[in-house]
Amino acid sequence: MMVEPSWWSMRPASNLKPATYRCPFCGKHLASMSEHVLIAPEDDRSKRRHAHMDCVQRARQAGRLPTRDEWLAATRGPRPSLGARLRGLLPGRRLDE
C-alpha cells in the first residue's frame, strides 16, 4: 500500500548533461538541457522526480503539491496569541491577575 506524501520539497533544476527525464504529471519527456523543477516527497531525495515547471505550477494551484511550510500551517491550527505565549514563560504567575 502506497501512502500519499503530506508535503513536497521543490527546487529549480536544469539538465547540465544530455539526460532525458519523464514528467510524472503529464508523462511527456523533458527536453535535454532544459530548465525544470526537481520535486521530492517529504524531502526523500531517493524518490525525487523531474517535472515541467508548468505541470508543477498547475498541481500546486490545484492543491496537490503542498510545501512543508504550507502543510505545517494547515495541520498546526492557529498560533497562540502573544499574551498566551508570555503567560507560558512565567512559571506560577499569570499576567492577568
Protein backbone atom coordinates (compact mmCIF):
# COMPACT_ATOMS: atom_id res chain seq x y z
CA MET A 1 0.00 0.00 0.00
CA MET A 2 1.46 3.35 -1.03
CA VAL A 3 0.97 6.28 1.33
CA GLU A 4 0.44 9.70 -0.24
CA PRO A 5 3.13 12.16 0.95
CA SER A 6 1.96 15.01 3.19
CA TRP A 7 4.30 17.60 1.68
CA TRP A 8 6.87 18.08 -1.07
CA SER A 9 10.19 19.86 -1.37
CA MET A 10 10.77 21.67 -4.65
CA ARG A 11 13.71 23.42 -6.24
CA PRO A 12 14.59 24.71 -9.69
CA ALA A 13 16.81 22.44 -11.75
CA SER A 14 18.33 22.25 -15.18
CA ASN A 15 19.81 19.38 -17.12
CA LEU A 16 23.54 20.00 -17.31
CA LYS A 17 24.04 16.71 -19.09
CA PRO A 18 22.19 15.32 -22.10
CA ALA A 19 19.86 13.14 -19.99
CA THR A 20 16.16 12.63 -20.60
CA TYR A 21 13.55 12.61 -17.84
CA ARG A 22 9.81 11.94 -17.92
CA CYS A 23 7.44 14.33 -16.14
CA PRO A 24 5.31 12.47 -13.52
CA PHE A 25 2.35 14.79 -14.14
CA CYS A 26 1.94 14.76 -17.93
CA GLY A 27 4.08 11.74 -18.86
CA LYS A 28 5.97 13.68 -21.53
CA HIS A 29 9.76 13.86 -21.79
CA LEU A 30 11.69 16.88 -20.56
CA ALA A 31 13.98 18.15 -23.28
CA SER A 32 17.70 17.73 -22.72
CA MET A 33 19.45 20.77 -21.22
CA SER A 34 16.09 22.39 -20.29
CA GLU A 35 15.12 24.15 -17.06
CA HIS A 36 12.61 22.29 -14.93
CA VAL A 37 11.66 21.58 -11.28
CA LEU A 38 13.03 18.84 -9.04
CA ILE A 39 10.39 17.58 -6.57
CA ALA A 40 10.86 15.16 -3.65
CA PRO A 41 8.12 13.75 -1.39
CA GLU A 42 8.73 14.78 2.24
CA ASP A 43 12.34 15.64 1.36
CA ASP A 44 13.14 12.00 0.44
CA ARG A 45 15.89 12.57 -2.12
CA SER A 46 15.82 8.92 -3.21
CA LYS A 47 12.29 9.43 -4.60
CA ARG A 48 12.92 12.75 -6.35
CA ARG A 49 11.33 13.39 -9.74
CA HIS A 50 11.97 15.87 -12.54
CA ALA A 51 8.90 17.77 -13.79
CA HIS A 52 7.93 20.58 -16.15
CA MET A 53 7.58 23.97 -14.44
CA ASP A 54 4.08 24.42 -15.89
CA CYS A 55 2.95 20.99 -14.66
CA VAL A 56 4.20 21.71 -11.13
CA GLN A 57 2.51 25.12 -11.14
CA ARG A 58 -0.83 23.55 -12.17
CA ALA A 59 -0.51 20.85 -9.47
CA ARG A 60 0.28 23.50 -6.83
CA GLN A 61 -2.70 25.61 -7.87
CA ALA A 62 -4.91 22.52 -7.58
CA GLY A 63 -3.55 21.91 -4.04
CA ARG A 64 -1.89 18.57 -4.87
CA LEU A 65 1.70 19.66 -4.11
CA PRO A 66 1.89 21.47 -0.73
CA THR A 67 5.25 22.58 0.63
CA ARG A 68 6.37 21.67 4.16
CA ASP A 69 5.51 25.16 5.46
CA GLU A 70 2.02 25.02 3.92
CA TRP A 71 1.43 21.55 5.37
CA LEU A 72 2.60 22.62 8.86
CA ALA A 73 0.37 25.71 8.79
CA ALA A 74 -2.63 23.56 7.83
CA THR A 75 -2.02 20.88 10.48
CA ARG A 76 -0.93 23.00 13.46
CA GLY A 77 -4.01 25.14 13.76
CA PRO A 78 -3.99 28.76 14.88
CA ARG A 79 -0.92 30.13 16.63
CA PRO A 80 -1.44 31.20 20.27
CA SER A 81 -1.66 34.92 20.92
CA LEU A 82 1.34 36.87 22.22
CA GLY A 83 -0.28 37.12 25.65
CA ALA A 84 -0.79 33.36 25.85
CA ARG A 85 2.82 32.74 24.89
CA LEU A 86 4.08 35.24 27.50
CA ARG A 87 1.94 33.64 30.22
CA GLY A 88 3.61 30.32 29.42
CA LEU A 89 7.05 31.85 30.10
CA LEU A 90 6.24 32.88 33.68
CA PRO A 91 6.06 29.82 35.96
CA GLY A 92 3.35 30.06 38.60
CA ARG A 93 2.32 33.66 37.74
CA ARG A 94 -0.36 34.88 35.42
CA LEU A 95 -0.17 38.28 33.75
CA ASP A 96 -3.91 38.89 34.07
CA GLU A 97 -4.01 38.58 37.88
